[in-house]
Every structure is written in structure tokens, then in C-alpha cells.
PDB file of all heavy atoms in Angstrom:
ATOM      1  N   GLU A   1      -6.603   7.545  14.225  1.00  0.00           N
ATOM      2  CA  GLU A   1      -6.060   6.192  14.363  1.00  0.00           C
ATOM      3  C   GLU A   1      -5.067   5.864  13.287  1.00  0.00           C
ATOM      4  O   GLU A   1      -5.277   6.185  12.098  1.00  0.00           O
ATOM      5  CB  GLU A   1      -7.238   5.178  14.301  1.00  0.00           C
ATOM      6  CG  GLU A   1      -6.794   3.739  14.506  1.00  0.00           C
ATOM      7  CD  GLU A   1      -7.967   2.805  14.394  1.00  0.00           C
ATOM      8  OE1 GLU A   1      -8.676   2.650  15.415  1.00  0.00           O
ATOM      9  OE2 GLU A   1      -8.184   2.246  13.335  1.00  0.00           O
ATOM     10  N   LEU A   2      -3.966   5.201  13.665  1.00  0.00           N
ATOM     11  CA  LEU A   2      -2.959   4.717  12.740  1.00  0.00           C
ATOM     12  C   LEU A   2      -2.658   3.269  13.112  1.00  0.00           C
ATOM     13  O   LEU A   2      -2.378   2.968  14.266  1.00  0.00           O
ATOM     14  CB  LEU A   2      -1.686   5.565  12.845  1.00  0.00           C
ATOM     15  CG  LEU A   2      -0.478   5.079  12.036  1.00  0.00           C
ATOM     16  CD1 LEU A   2      -0.766   5.136  10.534  1.00  0.00           C
ATOM     17  CD2 LEU A   2       0.761   5.903  12.384  1.00  0.00           C
ATOM     18  N   LYS A   3      -2.759   2.395  12.129  1.00  0.00           N
ATOM     19  CA  LYS A   3      -2.370   0.994  12.315  1.00  0.00           C
ATOM     20  C   LYS A   3      -1.144   0.713  11.476  1.00  0.00           C
ATOM     21  O   LYS A   3      -1.101   1.018  10.291  1.00  0.00           O
ATOM     22  CB  LYS A   3      -3.512   0.061  11.922  1.00  0.00           C
ATOM     23  CG  LYS A   3      -4.687   0.109  12.836  1.00  0.00           C
ATOM     24  CD  LYS A   3      -5.747  -0.889  12.406  1.00  0.00           C
ATOM     25  CE  LYS A   3      -6.996  -0.726  13.249  1.00  0.00           C
ATOM     26  NZ  LYS A   3      -8.089  -1.569  12.728  1.00  0.00           N
ATOM     27  N   ILE A   4      -0.146   0.116  12.131  1.00  0.00           N
ATOM     28  CA  ILE A   4       1.078  -0.298  11.440  1.00  0.00           C
ATOM     29  C   ILE A   4       1.013  -1.817  11.348  1.00  0.00           C
ATOM     30  O   ILE A   4       0.917  -2.512  12.405  1.00  0.00           O
ATOM     31  CB  ILE A   4       2.311   0.184  12.214  1.00  0.00           C
ATOM     32  CG1 ILE A   4       2.295   1.712  12.290  1.00  0.00           C
ATOM     33  CG2 ILE A   4       3.579  -0.346  11.541  1.00  0.00           C
ATOM     34  CD1 ILE A   4       3.354   2.292  13.163  1.00  0.00           C
ATOM     35  N   ILE A   5       1.031  -2.317  10.143  1.00  0.00           N
ATOM     36  CA  ILE A   5       0.856  -3.745   9.895  1.00  0.00           C
ATOM     37  C   ILE A   5       2.097  -4.256   9.133  1.00  0.00           C
ATOM     38  O   ILE A   5       2.195  -4.086   7.920  1.00  0.00           O
ATOM     39  CB  ILE A   5      -0.417  -4.003   9.064  1.00  0.00           C
ATOM     40  CG1 ILE A   5      -1.611  -3.277   9.694  1.00  0.00           C
ATOM     41  CG2 ILE A   5      -0.686  -5.504   8.936  1.00  0.00           C
ATOM     42  CD1 ILE A   5      -2.815  -3.202   8.800  1.00  0.00           C
ATOM     43  N   PRO A   6       3.063  -4.841   9.854  1.00  0.00           N
ATOM     44  CA  PRO A   6       4.297  -5.268   9.183  1.00  0.00           C
ATOM     45  C   PRO A   6       4.086  -6.287   8.077  1.00  0.00           C
ATOM     46  O   PRO A   6       4.754  -6.219   7.058  1.00  0.00           O
ATOM     47  CB  PRO A   6       5.121  -5.861  10.318  1.00  0.00           C
ATOM     48  CG  PRO A   6       4.596  -5.207  11.562  1.00  0.00           C
ATOM     49  CD  PRO A   6       3.136  -5.016  11.307  1.00  0.00           C
ATOM     50  N   GLU A   7       3.159  -7.232   8.273  1.00  0.00           N
ATOM     51  CA  GLU A   7       2.930  -8.279   7.274  1.00  0.00           C
ATOM     52  C   GLU A   7       1.442  -8.636   7.237  1.00  0.00           C
ATOM     53  O   GLU A   7       0.988  -9.535   7.922  1.00  0.00           O
ATOM     54  CB  GLU A   7       3.767  -9.502   7.596  1.00  0.00           C
ATOM     55  CG  GLU A   7       3.777 -10.508   6.452  1.00  0.00           C
ATOM     56  CD  GLU A   7       4.799 -11.603   6.704  1.00  0.00           C
ATOM     57  OE1 GLU A   7       5.957 -11.291   7.020  1.00  0.00           O
ATOM     58  OE2 GLU A   7       4.398 -12.790   6.588  1.00  0.00           O
ATOM     59  N   PRO A   8       0.649  -7.883   6.412  1.00  0.00           N
ATOM     60  CA  PRO A   8      -0.787  -8.179   6.348  1.00  0.00           C
ATOM     61  C   PRO A   8      -1.046  -9.609   5.906  1.00  0.00           C
ATOM     62  O   PRO A   8      -0.271 -10.202   5.149  1.00  0.00           O
ATOM     63  CB  PRO A   8      -1.294  -7.175   5.322  1.00  0.00           C
ATOM     64  CG  PRO A   8      -0.248  -6.137   5.224  1.00  0.00           C
ATOM     65  CD  PRO A   8       1.048  -6.794   5.529  1.00  0.00           C
ATOM     66  N   GLU A   9      -2.184 -10.172   6.362  1.00  0.00           N
ATOM     67  CA  GLU A   9      -2.589 -11.485   5.962  1.00  0.00           C
ATOM     68  C   GLU A   9      -2.551 -11.622   4.429  1.00  0.00           C
ATOM     69  O   GLU A   9      -2.966 -10.698   3.734  1.00  0.00           O
ATOM     70  CB  GLU A   9      -3.989 -11.809   6.455  1.00  0.00           C
ATOM     71  CG  GLU A   9      -4.115 -11.970   7.952  1.00  0.00           C
ATOM     72  CD  GLU A   9      -3.415 -13.206   8.477  1.00  0.00           C
ATOM     73  OE1 GLU A   9      -3.424 -14.254   7.777  1.00  0.00           O
ATOM     74  OE2 GLU A   9      -2.864 -13.117   9.583  1.00  0.00           O
ATOM     75  N   GLY A  10      -2.072 -12.751   3.960  1.00  0.00           N
ATOM     76  CA  GLY A  10      -2.022 -12.995   2.542  1.00  0.00           C
ATOM     77  C   GLY A  10      -0.872 -12.354   1.781  1.00  0.00           C
ATOM     78  O   GLY A  10      -0.802 -12.459   0.565  1.00  0.00           O
ATOM     79  N   THR A  11       0.024 -11.671   2.523  1.00  0.00           N
ATOM     80  CA  THR A  11       1.155 -11.013   1.874  1.00  0.00           C
ATOM     81  C   THR A  11       2.446 -11.377   2.585  1.00  0.00           C
ATOM     82  O   THR A  11       2.440 -12.016   3.642  1.00  0.00           O
ATOM     83  CB  THR A  11       1.048  -9.479   1.893  1.00  0.00           C
ATOM     84  OG1 THR A  11       1.392  -8.986   3.213  1.00  0.00           O
ATOM     85  CG2 THR A  11      -0.337  -9.016   1.506  1.00  0.00           C
ATOM     86  N   ARG A  12       3.540 -10.976   1.983  1.00  0.00           N
ATOM     87  CA  ARG A  12       4.847 -11.115   2.657  1.00  0.00           C
ATOM     88  C   ARG A  12       5.376  -9.722   3.065  1.00  0.00           C
ATOM     89  O   ARG A  12       6.560  -9.518   3.161  1.00  0.00           O
ATOM     90  CB  ARG A  12       5.826 -11.809   1.692  1.00  0.00           C
ATOM     91  CG  ARG A  12       5.459 -13.266   1.470  1.00  0.00           C
ATOM     92  CD  ARG A  12       6.389 -14.026   0.548  1.00  0.00           C
ATOM     93  NE  ARG A  12       6.647 -13.414  -0.730  1.00  0.00           N
ATOM     94  CZ  ARG A  12       5.796 -13.436  -1.765  1.00  0.00           C
ATOM     95  NH1 ARG A  12       4.643 -14.024  -1.698  1.00  0.00           N
ATOM     96  NH2 ARG A  12       6.122 -12.851  -2.929  1.00  0.00           N
ATOM     97  N   GLY A  13       4.482  -8.773   3.235  1.00  0.00           N
ATOM     98  CA  GLY A  13       4.863  -7.473   3.735  1.00  0.00           C
ATOM     99  C   GLY A  13       5.187  -6.453   2.673  1.00  0.00           C
ATOM    100  O   GLY A  13       4.756  -6.567   1.534  1.00  0.00           O
ATOM    101  N   TYR A  14       5.937  -5.445   3.099  1.00  0.00           N
ATOM    102  CA  TYR A  14       6.198  -4.278   2.252  1.00  0.00           C
ATOM    103  C   TYR A  14       6.778  -4.617   0.891  1.00  0.00           C
ATOM    104  O   TYR A  14       6.294  -4.175  -0.140  1.00  0.00           O
ATOM    105  CB  TYR A  14       7.150  -3.313   2.980  1.00  0.00           C
ATOM    106  CG  TYR A  14       7.591  -2.188   2.102  1.00  0.00           C
ATOM    107  CD1 TYR A  14       6.789  -1.098   1.869  1.00  0.00           C
ATOM    108  CD2 TYR A  14       8.844  -2.198   1.469  1.00  0.00           C
ATOM    109  CE1 TYR A  14       7.152  -0.066   1.031  1.00  0.00           C
ATOM    110  CE2 TYR A  14       9.229  -1.199   0.630  1.00  0.00           C
ATOM    111  CZ  TYR A  14       8.382  -0.122   0.408  1.00  0.00           C
ATOM    112  OH  TYR A  14       8.765   0.891  -0.423  1.00  0.00           O
ATOM    113  N   ASP A  15       7.815  -5.447   0.834  1.00  0.00           N
ATOM    114  CA  ASP A  15       8.484  -5.739  -0.443  1.00  0.00           C
ATOM    115  C   ASP A  15       7.519  -6.437  -1.423  1.00  0.00           C
ATOM    116  O   ASP A  15       7.585  -6.214  -2.615  1.00  0.00           O
ATOM    117  CB  ASP A  15       9.728  -6.581  -0.239  1.00  0.00           C
ATOM    118  CG  ASP A  15      10.856  -5.765   0.361  1.00  0.00           C
ATOM    119  OD1 ASP A  15      10.934  -4.538   0.119  1.00  0.00           O
ATOM    120  OD2 ASP A  15      11.684  -6.335   1.121  1.00  0.00           O
ATOM    121  N   ASP A  16       6.608  -7.235  -0.892  1.00  0.00           N
ATOM    122  CA  ASP A  16       5.621  -7.917  -1.712  1.00  0.00           C
ATOM    123  C   ASP A  16       4.610  -6.887  -2.269  1.00  0.00           C
ATOM    124  O   ASP A  16       4.280  -6.918  -3.459  1.00  0.00           O
ATOM    125  CB  ASP A  16       4.890  -8.954  -0.831  1.00  0.00           C
ATOM    126  CG  ASP A  16       3.841  -9.750  -1.546  1.00  0.00           C
ATOM    127  OD1 ASP A  16       3.851  -9.818  -2.802  1.00  0.00           O
ATOM    128  OD2 ASP A  16       2.980 -10.346  -0.869  1.00  0.00           O
ATOM    129  N   LEU A  17       4.133  -5.982  -1.427  1.00  0.00           N
ATOM    130  CA  LEU A  17       3.107  -5.020  -1.819  1.00  0.00           C
ATOM    131  C   LEU A  17       3.626  -3.884  -2.713  1.00  0.00           C
ATOM    132  O   LEU A  17       2.897  -3.382  -3.550  1.00  0.00           O
ATOM    133  CB  LEU A  17       2.437  -4.429  -0.574  1.00  0.00           C
ATOM    134  CG  LEU A  17       1.628  -5.425   0.245  1.00  0.00           C
ATOM    135  CD1 LEU A  17       1.191  -4.781   1.560  1.00  0.00           C
ATOM    136  CD2 LEU A  17       0.426  -5.944  -0.525  1.00  0.00           C
ATOM    137  N   ARG A  18       4.839  -3.457  -2.506  1.00  0.00           N
ATOM    138  CA  ARG A  18       5.355  -2.293  -3.234  1.00  0.00           C
ATOM    139  C   ARG A  18       5.474  -2.547  -4.729  1.00  0.00           C
ATOM    140  O   ARG A  18       5.409  -1.596  -5.526  1.00  0.00           O
ATOM    141  CB  ARG A  18       6.681  -1.836  -2.656  1.00  0.00           C
ATOM    142  CG  ARG A  18       7.866  -2.681  -3.024  1.00  0.00           C
ATOM    143  CD  ARG A  18       9.179  -2.134  -2.491  1.00  0.00           C
ATOM    144  NE  ARG A  18      10.214  -3.095  -2.640  1.00  0.00           N
ATOM    145  CZ  ARG A  18      10.973  -3.203  -3.714  1.00  0.00           C
ATOM    146  NH1 ARG A  18      10.808  -2.392  -4.745  1.00  0.00           N
ATOM    147  NH2 ARG A  18      11.915  -4.126  -3.805  1.00  0.00           N
ATOM    148  N   ARG A  19       5.603  -3.797  -5.143  1.00  0.00           N
ATOM    149  CA  ARG A  19       5.795  -4.078  -6.568  1.00  0.00           C
ATOM    150  C   ARG A  19       4.630  -3.642  -7.431  1.00  0.00           C
ATOM    151  O   ARG A  19       4.804  -3.178  -8.549  1.00  0.00           O
ATOM    152  CB  ARG A  19       6.031  -5.573  -6.785  1.00  0.00           C
ATOM    153  CG  ARG A  19       7.374  -6.017  -6.271  1.00  0.00           C
ATOM    154  CD  ARG A  19       7.545  -7.498  -6.506  1.00  0.00           C
ATOM    155  NE  ARG A  19       6.400  -8.174  -5.858  1.00  0.00           N
ATOM    156  CZ  ARG A  19       6.372  -9.410  -5.505  1.00  0.00           C
ATOM    157  NH1 ARG A  19       7.406 -10.164  -5.738  1.00  0.00           N
ATOM    158  NH2 ARG A  19       5.331  -9.940  -4.897  1.00  0.00           N
ATOM    159  N   ARG A  20       3.400  -3.823  -6.927  1.00  0.00           N
ATOM    160  CA  ARG A  20       2.210  -3.457  -7.694  1.00  0.00           C
ATOM    161  C   ARG A  20       1.506  -2.199  -7.161  1.00  0.00           C
ATOM    162  O   ARG A  20       0.475  -1.794  -7.679  1.00  0.00           O
ATOM    163  CB  ARG A  20       1.226  -4.608  -7.737  1.00  0.00           C
ATOM    164  CG  ARG A  20       1.790  -5.797  -8.521  1.00  0.00           C
ATOM    165  CD  ARG A  20       0.761  -6.789  -8.906  1.00  0.00           C
ATOM    166  NE  ARG A  20       0.106  -7.396  -7.760  1.00  0.00           N
ATOM    167  CZ  ARG A  20      -0.783  -8.370  -7.861  1.00  0.00           C
ATOM    168  NH1 ARG A  20      -1.134  -8.817  -9.058  1.00  0.00           N
ATOM    169  NH2 ARG A  20      -1.326  -8.838  -6.774  1.00  0.00           N
ATOM    170  N   ALA A  21       2.083  -1.589  -6.143  1.00  0.00           N
ATOM    171  CA  ALA A  21       1.491  -0.396  -5.570  1.00  0.00           C
ATOM    172  C   ALA A  21       1.585   0.757  -6.575  1.00  0.00           C
ATOM    173  O   ALA A  21       2.489   0.778  -7.430  1.00  0.00           O
ATOM    174  CB  ALA A  21       2.200  -0.022  -4.270  1.00  0.00           C
ATOM    175  N   THR A  22       0.649   1.682  -6.478  1.00  0.00           N
ATOM    176  CA  THR A  22       0.636   2.849  -7.343  1.00  0.00           C
ATOM    177  C   THR A  22       0.750   4.084  -6.480  1.00  0.00           C
ATOM    178  O   THR A  22       0.316   4.086  -5.308  1.00  0.00           O
ATOM    179  CB  THR A  22      -0.637   2.919  -8.205  1.00  0.00           C
ATOM    180  OG1 THR A  22      -1.771   2.898  -7.352  1.00  0.00           O
ATOM    181  CG2 THR A  22      -0.697   1.766  -9.197  1.00  0.00           C
ATOM    182  N   ARG A  23       1.304   5.139  -7.024  1.00  0.00           N
ATOM    183  CA  ARG A  23       1.374   6.425  -6.332  1.00  0.00           C
ATOM    184  C   ARG A  23       0.135   7.212  -6.729  1.00  0.00           C
ATOM    185  O   ARG A  23      -0.053   7.499  -7.899  1.00  0.00           O
ATOM    186  CB  ARG A  23       2.667   7.130  -6.649  1.00  0.00           C
ATOM    187  CG  ARG A  23       3.831   6.222  -6.232  1.00  0.00           C
ATOM    188  CD  ARG A  23       5.121   6.835  -5.908  1.00  0.00           C
ATOM    189  NE  ARG A  23       5.198   8.059  -5.185  1.00  0.00           N
ATOM    190  CZ  ARG A  23       5.508   8.144  -3.903  1.00  0.00           C
ATOM    191  NH1 ARG A  23       5.721   7.098  -3.197  1.00  0.00           N
ATOM    192  NH2 ARG A  23       5.626   9.308  -3.355  1.00  0.00           N
ATOM    193  N   GLU A  24      -0.707   7.538  -5.752  1.00  0.00           N
ATOM    194  CA  GLU A  24      -1.965   8.165  -6.010  1.00  0.00           C
ATOM    195  C   GLU A  24      -1.923   9.655  -5.582  1.00  0.00           C
ATOM    196  O   GLU A  24      -1.659   9.924  -4.407  1.00  0.00           O
ATOM    197  CB  GLU A  24      -3.105   7.455  -5.290  1.00  0.00           C
ATOM    198  CG  GLU A  24      -3.282   6.003  -5.710  1.00  0.00           C
ATOM    199  CD  GLU A  24      -3.752   5.863  -7.154  1.00  0.00           C
ATOM    200  OE1 GLU A  24      -4.385   6.756  -7.678  1.00  0.00           O
ATOM    201  OE2 GLU A  24      -3.445   4.803  -7.759  1.00  0.00           O
ATOM    202  N   PRO A  25      -2.210  10.580  -6.502  1.00  0.00           N
ATOM    203  CA  PRO A  25      -2.256  11.990  -6.135  1.00  0.00           C
ATOM    204  C   PRO A  25      -3.535  12.254  -5.310  1.00  0.00           C
ATOM    205  O   PRO A  25      -4.636  12.025  -5.782  1.00  0.00           O
ATOM    206  CB  PRO A  25      -2.302  12.712  -7.470  1.00  0.00           C
ATOM    207  CG  PRO A  25      -2.867  11.710  -8.422  1.00  0.00           C
ATOM    208  CD  PRO A  25      -2.470  10.359  -7.912  1.00  0.00           C
ATOM    209  N   ILE A  26      -3.351  12.738  -4.078  1.00  0.00           N
ATOM    210  CA  ILE A  26      -4.528  12.954  -3.215  1.00  0.00           C
ATOM    211  C   ILE A  26      -4.653  14.412  -2.761  1.00  0.00           C
ATOM    212  O   ILE A  26      -5.496  14.739  -1.922  1.00  0.00           O
ATOM    213  CB  ILE A  26      -4.485  12.049  -1.963  1.00  0.00           C
ATOM    214  CG1 ILE A  26      -3.267  12.346  -1.120  1.00  0.00           C
ATOM    215  CG2 ILE A  26      -4.529  10.583  -2.388  1.00  0.00           C
ATOM    216  CD1 ILE A  26      -3.279  11.659   0.243  1.00  0.00           C
ATOM    217  N   GLY A  27      -3.854  15.283  -3.357  1.00  0.00           N
ATOM    218  CA  GLY A  27      -3.913  16.695  -2.992  1.00  0.00           C
ATOM    219  C   GLY A  27      -2.805  17.061  -2.014  1.00  0.00           C
ATOM    220  O   GLY A  27      -2.103  16.218  -1.492  1.00  0.00           O
ATOM    221  N   ARG A  28      -2.648  18.371  -1.830  1.00  0.00           N
ATOM    222  CA  ARG A  28      -1.616  18.926  -0.958  1.00  0.00           C
ATOM    223  C   ARG A  28      -0.198  18.435  -1.311  1.00  0.00           C
ATOM    224  O   ARG A  28       0.661  18.331  -0.438  1.00  0.00           O
ATOM    225  CB  ARG A  28      -1.906  18.581   0.515  1.00  0.00           C
ATOM    226  CG  ARG A  28      -3.170  19.221   1.051  1.00  0.00           C
ATOM    227  CD  ARG A  28      -3.223  19.056   2.530  1.00  0.00           C
ATOM    228  NE  ARG A  28      -4.499  19.490   3.055  1.00  0.00           N
ATOM    229  CZ  ARG A  28      -4.849  19.401   4.304  1.00  0.00           C
ATOM    230  NH1 ARG A  28      -4.035  18.912   5.205  1.00  0.00           N
ATOM    231  NH2 ARG A  28      -6.027  19.801   4.700  1.00  0.00           N
ATOM    232  N   GLY A  29       0.001  18.106  -2.559  1.00  0.00           N
ATOM    233  CA  GLY A  29       1.310  17.655  -3.020  1.00  0.00           C
ATOM    234  C   GLY A  29       1.667  16.242  -2.600  1.00  0.00           C
ATOM    235  O   GLY A  29       2.787  15.807  -2.777  1.00  0.00           O
ATOM    236  N   LEU A  30       0.710  15.504  -2.050  1.00  0.00           N
ATOM    237  CA  LEU A  30       0.961  14.122  -1.591  1.00  0.00           C
ATOM    238  C   LEU A  30       0.629  13.109  -2.668  1.00  0.00           C
ATOM    239  O   LEU A  30      -0.402  13.242  -3.336  1.00  0.00           O
ATOM    240  CB  LEU A  30       0.119  13.835  -0.337  1.00  0.00           C
ATOM    241  CG  LEU A  30       0.477  14.610   0.912  1.00  0.00           C
ATOM    242  CD1 LEU A  30      -0.577  14.413   1.981  1.00  0.00           C
ATOM    243  CD2 LEU A  30       1.859  14.217   1.427  1.00  0.00           C
ATOM    244  N   ARG A  31       1.510  12.149  -2.822  1.00  0.00           N
ATOM    245  CA  ARG A  31       1.302  11.029  -3.749  1.00  0.00           C
ATOM    246  C   ARG A  31       1.737   9.749  -3.054  1.00  0.00           C
ATOM    247  O   ARG A  31       2.766   9.179  -3.396  1.00  0.00           O
ATOM    248  CB  ARG A  31       2.099  11.233  -5.032  1.00  0.00           C
ATOM    249  CG  ARG A  31       1.587  12.369  -5.894  1.00  0.00           C
ATOM    250  CD  ARG A  31       2.402  12.551  -7.168  1.00  0.00           C
ATOM    251  NE  ARG A  31       2.707  11.302  -7.850  1.00  0.00           N
ATOM    252  CZ  ARG A  31       2.033  10.841  -8.894  1.00  0.00           C
ATOM    253  NH1 ARG A  31       1.025  11.523  -9.378  1.00  0.00           N
ATOM    254  NH2 ARG A  31       2.363   9.710  -9.464  1.00  0.00           N
ATOM    255  N   PRO A  32       0.956   9.306  -2.041  1.00  0.00           N
ATOM    256  CA  PRO A  32       1.389   8.142  -1.300  1.00  0.00           C
ATOM    257  C   PRO A  32       1.290   6.859  -2.142  1.00  0.00           C
ATOM    258  O   PRO A  32       0.501   6.771  -3.088  1.00  0.00           O
ATOM    259  CB  PRO A  32       0.424   8.085  -0.123  1.00  0.00           C
ATOM    260  CG  PRO A  32      -0.824   8.756  -0.643  1.00  0.00           C
ATOM    261  CD  PRO A  32      -0.305   9.836  -1.577  1.00  0.00           C
ATOM    262  N   SER A  33       2.063   5.888  -1.777  1.00  0.00           N
ATOM    263  CA  SER A  33       2.054   4.577  -2.392  1.00  0.00           C
ATOM    264  C   SER A  33       0.870   3.787  -1.790  1.00  0.00           C
ATOM    265  O   SER A  33       0.722   3.676  -0.585  1.00  0.00           O
ATOM    266  CB  SER A  33       3.379   3.884  -2.093  1.00  0.00           C
ATOM    267  OG  SER A  33       3.536   2.752  -2.871  1.00  0.00           O
ATOM    268  N   VAL A  34       0.022   3.240  -2.675  1.00  0.00           N
ATOM    269  CA  VAL A  34      -1.195   2.544  -2.256  1.00  0.00           C
ATOM    270  C   VAL A  34      -1.168   1.133  -2.833  1.00  0.00           C
ATOM    271  O   VAL A  34      -0.925   0.958  -4.053  1.00  0.00           O
ATOM    272  CB  VAL A  34      -2.474   3.287  -2.752  1.00  0.00           C
ATOM    273  CG1 VAL A  34      -3.710   2.578  -2.292  1.00  0.00           C
ATOM    274  CG2 VAL A  34      -2.435   4.732  -2.257  1.00  0.00           C
ATOM    275  N   ALA A  35      -1.436   0.136  -2.030  1.00  0.00           N
ATOM    276  CA  ALA A  35      -1.480  -1.253  -2.507  1.00  0.00           C
ATOM    277  C   ALA A  35      -2.507  -1.355  -3.631  1.00  0.00           C
ATOM    278  O   ALA A  35      -3.542  -0.697  -3.639  1.00  0.00           O
ATOM    279  CB  ALA A  35      -1.845  -2.195  -1.360  1.00  0.00           C
ATOM    280  N   SER A  36      -2.216  -2.198  -4.577  1.00  0.00           N
ATOM    281  CA  SER A  36      -3.080  -2.413  -5.753  1.00  0.00           C
ATOM    282  C   SER A  36      -4.427  -3.008  -5.366  1.00  0.00           C
ATOM    283  O   SER A  36      -4.561  -3.641  -4.307  1.00  0.00           O
ATOM    284  CB  SER A  36      -2.381  -3.341  -6.748  1.00  0.00           C
ATOM    285  OG  SER A  36      -2.398  -4.671  -6.241  1.00  0.00           O
ATOM    286  N   PRO A  37      -5.442  -2.825  -6.211  1.00  0.00           N
ATOM    287  CA  PRO A  37      -6.728  -3.485  -5.959  1.00  0.00           C
ATOM    288  C   PRO A  37      -6.559  -5.012  -5.824  1.00  0.00           C
ATOM    289  O   PRO A  37      -7.199  -5.616  -4.982  1.00  0.00           O
ATOM    290  CB  PRO A  37      -7.572  -3.104  -7.172  1.00  0.00           C
ATOM    291  CG  PRO A  37      -7.017  -1.782  -7.605  1.00  0.00           C
ATOM    292  CD  PRO A  37      -5.525  -1.876  -7.369  1.00  0.00           C
ATOM    293  N   ASP A  38      -5.701  -5.600  -6.679  1.00  0.00           N
ATOM    294  CA  ASP A  38      -5.469  -7.058  -6.572  1.00  0.00           C
ATOM    295  C   ASP A  38      -4.940  -7.437  -5.218  1.00  0.00           C
ATOM    296  O   ASP A  38      -5.354  -8.432  -4.635  1.00  0.00           O
ATOM    297  CB  ASP A  38      -4.452  -7.508  -7.642  1.00  0.00           C
ATOM    298  CG  ASP A  38      -5.028  -7.449  -9.023  1.00  0.00           C
ATOM    299  OD1 ASP A  38      -6.113  -8.026  -9.270  1.00  0.00           O
ATOM    300  OD2 ASP A  38      -4.395  -6.833  -9.914  1.00  0.00           O
ATOM    301  N   ASP A  39      -3.973  -6.665  -4.701  1.00  0.00           N
ATOM    302  CA  ASP A  39      -3.417  -6.973  -3.370  1.00  0.00           C
ATOM    303  C   ASP A  39      -4.439  -6.713  -2.276  1.00  0.00           C
ATOM    304  O   ASP A  39      -4.491  -7.466  -1.298  1.00  0.00           O
ATOM    305  CB  ASP A  39      -2.138  -6.165  -3.136  1.00  0.00           C
ATOM    306  CG  ASP A  39      -0.990  -6.692  -3.977  1.00  0.00           C
ATOM    307  OD1 ASP A  39      -0.973  -7.900  -4.313  1.00  0.00           O
ATOM    308  OD2 ASP A  39      -0.047  -5.931  -4.253  1.00  0.00           O
ATOM    309  N   HIS A  40      -5.266  -5.687  -2.420  1.00  0.00           N
ATOM    310  CA  HIS A  40      -6.335  -5.462  -1.413  1.00  0.00           C
ATOM    311  C   HIS A  40      -7.283  -6.660  -1.412  1.00  0.00           C
ATOM    312  O   HIS A  40      -7.676  -7.127  -0.347  1.00  0.00           O
ATOM    313  CB  HIS A  40      -7.094  -4.165  -1.704  1.00  0.00           C
ATOM    314  CG  HIS A  40      -6.449  -2.984  -1.109  1.00  0.00           C
ATOM    315  ND1 HIS A  40      -5.679  -2.098  -1.805  1.00  0.00           N
ATOM    316  CD2 HIS A  40      -6.457  -2.515   0.197  1.00  0.00           C
ATOM    317  CE1 HIS A  40      -5.222  -1.162  -1.003  1.00  0.00           C
ATOM    318  NE2 HIS A  40      -5.687  -1.401   0.205  1.00  0.00           N
ATOM    319  N   ALA A  41      -7.651  -7.164  -2.600  1.00  0.00           N
ATOM    320  CA  ALA A  41      -8.547  -8.309  -2.671  1.00  0.00           C
ATOM    321  C   ALA A  41      -7.873  -9.540  -2.022  1.00  0.00           C
ATOM    322  O   ALA A  41      -8.521 -10.299  -1.277  1.00  0.00           O
ATOM    323  CB  ALA A  41      -8.929  -8.613  -4.115  1.00  0.00           C
TER     324      ALA A  41
END
């Protein structure tokens, strides 16, 4: 399953979330951008 959420509740979308997102090393050379714990809350 893949969900594409252009503007999650409580946010203004990608530009809002990317500011505090961190790049997390998860193996296989991947370091995806992940919303911050504050933004998840």
C-alpha cells in the first residue's frame, strides 16, 4: 500500500514539512526524508 497525501491535516503540505524533516539512513543506500516527531505529533 502507498498513500499519497498532498496536505496532511494540521500542515500546509510538503514545503511546511520539509523544513524540519530529517534524512534517515534505513539501509540499502536509502536516506529518505522523514517528517519530524513534532510534525508527526
